[in-house]
């Protein structure tokens, strides 16, 4: 099978949640001495881009995305040990979590999955995250972005608090701040001085890549 055909087959199998087939095709790329980096970018990530599109157009929902993510990870597990790290761009690092006082994390989890599948280095703080922890983790891992979500109007202002504390520490310019969630809007984003607002997971990942010049 030619390289381009293999990549197409990997992408298709991934979109169809065929975990074992994705792994088998990834093995075949290694047997053909195809660089692992190409398999990831042209096969696996291309497949996840299609998954993002299907999710954005409401043809796929969270269960389908999770199954596709399993297929993505199965392929990644096969080729990752053979990856020439020098061929990779420095990954975009993001710290992500649900702000303090809120335990709704489905949307955040979906962003984490899609971001990881798109090559981001993701540090997931979970839900009900103390506000200072976003900053502490970002400083610790030298993150590029801080991503915060909430589904509750009562916890929205925590996002502004994080931004204000970044300013107080004179480190606001070090991080791009992405916010999202049910009650969040572009108006609120502009009001608190965040860099980016996204209303769903796939657009969050796409906009984050654009913001970091990786579109």
Protein backbone atom coordinates (compact mmCIF):
# COMPACT_ATOMS: atom_id res chain seq x y z
CA UNK A 1 0.00 0.00 0.00
CA UNK A 2 1.38 3.41 -0.93
CA UNK A 3 2.13 5.93 1.79
CA UNK A 4 -0.68 8.35 0.94
CA UNK A 5 -3.17 5.49 0.79
CA UNK A 6 -2.00 4.25 4.17
CA UNK A 7 -2.51 7.68 5.70
CA UNK A 8 -6.02 7.87 4.23
CA UNK A 9 -6.82 4.42 5.60
CA UNK A 10 -5.57 5.42 9.05
CA UNK A 11 -7.66 8.59 9.06
CA UNK A 12 -10.74 6.71 7.87
CA UNK A 13 -10.34 3.93 10.44
CA UNK A 14 -9.88 6.49 13.19
CA UNK A 15 -13.07 8.33 12.23
CA UNK A 16 -14.88 4.98 12.25
CA UNK A 17 -13.53 4.16 15.77
CA UNK A 18 -11.66 1.09 14.48
CA UNK A 19 -9.06 0.92 17.23
CA UNK A 20 -7.37 -2.34 16.21
CA UNK A 21 -7.27 -1.39 12.54
CA UNK A 22 -5.61 1.96 13.33
CA UNK A 23 -2.96 0.13 15.34
CA UNK A 24 -2.41 -2.43 12.56
CA UNK A 25 -2.07 0.28 9.91
CA UNK A 26 0.35 2.18 12.13
CA UNK A 27 2.44 -0.99 12.39
CA UNK A 28 2.43 -1.25 8.61
CA UNK A 29 3.82 2.29 8.30
CA UNK A 30 6.74 1.25 10.48
CA UNK A 31 7.34 -1.85 8.35
CA UNK A 32 7.49 0.42 5.31
CA UNK A 33 9.99 2.69 7.10
CA UNK A 34 7.62 5.65 6.94
CA UNK A 35 8.72 8.26 9.51
CA UNK A 36 6.56 8.19 12.63
CA UNK A 37 6.17 11.97 12.47
CA UNK A 38 4.48 11.70 9.05
CA UNK A 39 2.13 9.00 10.27
CA UNK A 40 1.10 11.20 13.19
CA UNK A 41 0.63 14.41 11.22
CA UNK A 42 -0.73 13.01 7.94
CA UNK A 43 -2.72 10.07 9.27
CA UNK A 44 -3.69 10.38 12.93
CA UNK A 45 -4.00 14.15 13.28
CA UNK A 46 -5.75 14.42 9.90
CA UNK A 47 -8.28 11.92 11.20
CA UNK A 48 -8.83 13.91 14.40
CA UNK A 49 -9.34 17.08 12.36
CA UNK A 50 -12.18 15.30 10.60
CA UNK A 51 -13.55 14.22 13.98
CA UNK A 52 -13.44 17.87 15.10
CA UNK A 53 -15.36 18.88 11.99
CA UNK A 54 -17.99 16.21 12.56
CA UNK A 55 -18.35 17.30 16.17
CA UNK A 56 -18.61 20.95 15.22
CA UNK A 57 -21.36 20.11 12.72
CA UNK A 58 -23.15 17.99 15.35
CA UNK A 59 -22.78 14.76 13.40
CA UNK A 60 -20.63 13.36 16.21
CA UNK A 61 -21.12 13.84 19.93
CA UNK A 62 -19.02 13.19 23.02
CA UNK A 63 -19.25 9.34 22.93
CA UNK A 64 -18.06 9.26 19.30
CA UNK A 65 -15.24 11.70 20.03
CA UNK A 66 -14.07 9.55 22.95
CA UNK A 67 -14.05 6.41 20.77
CA UNK A 68 -12.09 8.24 18.07
CA UNK A 69 -9.66 9.41 20.72
CA UNK A 70 -9.12 5.78 21.74
CA UNK A 71 -8.27 4.93 18.13
CA UNK A 72 -5.93 7.93 17.92
CA UNK A 73 -4.10 6.85 21.06
CA UNK A 74 -3.82 3.27 19.80
CA UNK A 75 -2.01 4.49 16.70
CA UNK A 76 0.09 6.90 18.69
CA UNK A 77 1.20 4.14 21.06
CA UNK A 78 2.51 2.17 18.09
CA UNK A 79 4.54 4.91 16.40
CA UNK A 80 5.53 7.10 19.35
CA UNK A 81 8.56 4.98 20.38
CA UNK A 82 9.93 5.44 16.84
CA UNK A 83 9.44 9.19 16.76
CA UNK A 84 12.43 11.37 15.99
CA UNK A 85 11.86 14.10 18.57
CA UNK A 86 14.11 16.49 16.66
CA UNK A 87 11.61 16.50 13.79
CA UNK A 88 8.85 17.91 15.94
CA UNK A 89 7.87 21.49 16.51
CA UNK A 90 7.92 22.55 20.12
CA UNK A 91 4.39 21.67 21.29
CA UNK A 92 1.99 24.33 22.50
CA UNK A 93 1.65 23.87 26.25
CA UNK A 94 -1.71 24.54 27.84
CA UNK A 95 -2.90 24.44 31.42
CA UNK A 96 -6.63 23.74 31.53
CA UNK A 97 -9.26 23.42 34.21
CA UNK A 98 -12.74 24.28 35.47
CA UNK A 99 -12.64 27.30 37.77
CA UNK A 100 -13.12 27.07 41.51
CA UNK A 101 -16.71 26.45 42.58
CA UNK A 102 -17.76 24.52 39.48
CA UNK A 103 -17.61 20.74 38.94
CA UNK A 104 -19.02 20.57 35.40
CA UNK A 105 -16.15 19.24 33.30
CA UNK A 106 -17.51 17.52 30.17
CA UNK A 107 -16.67 20.48 27.93
CA UNK A 108 -13.24 20.87 29.49
CA UNK A 109 -12.56 17.17 29.02
CA UNK A 110 -13.49 17.39 25.36
CA UNK A 111 -11.11 20.32 24.83
CA UNK A 112 -8.39 18.30 26.57
CA UNK A 113 -8.97 15.32 24.28
CA UNK A 114 -9.03 17.32 21.05
CA UNK A 115 -6.07 19.48 22.08
CA UNK A 116 -3.98 16.44 22.97
CA UNK A 117 -4.90 14.77 19.69
CA UNK A 118 -3.88 17.94 17.86
CA UNK A 119 -0.37 17.88 19.30
CA UNK A 120 -0.79 20.17 22.31
CA UNK A 121 0.97 19.33 25.56
CA UNK A 122 -1.96 19.44 27.99
CA UNK A 123 -1.84 19.83 31.76
CA UNK A 124 -5.33 19.12 33.06
CA UNK A 125 -5.99 20.50 36.55
CA UNK A 126 -9.46 18.97 36.68
CA UNK A 127 -12.52 20.70 38.09
CA UNK A 128 -13.17 23.08 41.00
CA UNK A 129 -9.61 24.36 40.57
CA UNK A 130 -8.32 26.94 43.08
CA UNK A 131 -7.64 30.08 41.07
CA UNK A 132 -3.99 30.45 42.02
CA UNK A 133 -3.35 26.89 40.86
CA UNK A 134 -3.82 27.93 37.23
CA UNK A 135 -0.94 30.39 37.61
CA UNK A 136 1.25 28.10 39.70
CA UNK A 137 0.98 25.26 37.18
CA UNK A 138 1.52 27.58 34.22
CA UNK A 139 4.69 28.89 35.84
CA UNK A 140 5.86 25.38 36.74
CA UNK A 141 5.53 23.90 33.25
CA UNK A 142 6.29 27.14 31.35
CA UNK A 143 2.91 26.98 29.65
CA UNK A 144 1.92 29.03 26.61
CA UNK A 145 -1.77 29.20 27.45
CA UNK A 146 -4.13 29.11 30.41
CA UNK A 147 -7.56 27.72 29.54
CA UNK A 148 -10.49 28.11 31.94
CA UNK A 149 -14.10 26.98 31.70
CA UNK A 150 -17.29 27.18 33.73
CA UNK A 151 -20.98 26.46 33.26
CA UNK A 152 -22.03 28.62 36.21
CA UNK A 153 -22.61 32.37 36.28
CA UNK A 154 -21.61 32.41 39.95
CA UNK A 155 -18.05 31.31 39.15
CA UNK A 156 -17.43 33.36 35.99
CA UNK A 157 -15.67 36.13 37.85
CA UNK A 158 -12.96 33.68 38.91
CA UNK A 159 -11.61 34.00 35.38
CA UNK A 160 -11.17 37.73 35.82
CA UNK A 161 -9.48 37.09 39.15
CA UNK A 162 -6.88 34.86 37.49
CA UNK A 163 -6.16 37.53 34.88
CA UNK A 164 -5.94 40.23 37.56
CA UNK A 165 -3.48 38.12 39.57
CA UNK A 166 -1.35 37.58 36.47
CA UNK A 167 -1.23 41.37 36.10
CA UNK A 168 -0.37 41.83 39.78
CA UNK A 169 2.61 39.50 39.34
CA UNK A 170 3.66 41.27 36.11
CA UNK A 171 3.40 38.04 34.12
CA UNK A 172 0.19 38.66 32.16
CA UNK A 173 2.09 38.91 28.87
CA UNK A 174 3.62 35.46 29.34
CA UNK A 175 0.33 33.66 28.77
CA UNK A 176 -2.54 33.63 26.33
CA UNK A 177 -5.80 33.18 28.23
CA UNK A 178 -8.61 31.17 26.64
CA UNK A 179 -12.05 31.00 28.27
CA UNK A 180 -15.27 29.14 27.50
CA UNK A 181 -18.42 27.57 28.89
CA UNK A 182 -22.17 28.02 28.81
CA UNK A 183 -22.51 31.54 30.28
CA UNK A 184 -19.32 32.89 28.71
CA UNK A 185 -19.46 35.22 25.70
CA UNK A 186 -17.18 37.32 23.55
CA UNK A 187 -18.45 40.37 25.41
CA UNK A 188 -17.37 38.87 28.74
CA UNK A 189 -14.03 37.86 27.22
CA UNK A 190 -13.41 41.43 26.10
CA UNK A 191 -14.57 42.83 29.44
CA UNK A 192 -12.13 40.81 31.57
CA UNK A 193 -9.23 41.07 29.13
CA UNK A 194 -8.93 37.43 28.08
CA UNK A 195 -7.25 36.69 24.75
CA UNK A 196 -9.71 34.23 23.31
CA UNK A 197 -13.27 32.97 23.69
CA UNK A 198 -14.57 29.74 22.18
CA UNK A 199 -18.09 28.37 22.39
CA UNK A 200 -17.21 24.71 21.77
CA UNK A 201 -14.27 22.34 22.00
CA UNK A 202 -13.33 22.08 18.34
CA UNK A 203 -13.33 25.84 17.81
CA UNK A 204 -11.34 26.24 21.04
CA UNK A 205 -8.55 24.06 19.65
CA UNK A 206 -8.70 25.67 16.21
CA UNK A 207 -8.61 29.20 17.60
CA UNK A 208 -5.82 28.34 20.00
CA UNK A 209 -3.69 27.05 17.13
CA UNK A 210 -4.43 30.19 15.12
CA UNK A 211 -3.52 32.39 18.08
CA UNK A 212 -0.20 30.60 18.46
CA UNK A 213 0.53 30.73 14.70
CA UNK A 214 0.05 26.99 14.18
CA UNK A 215 -3.08 26.99 12.04
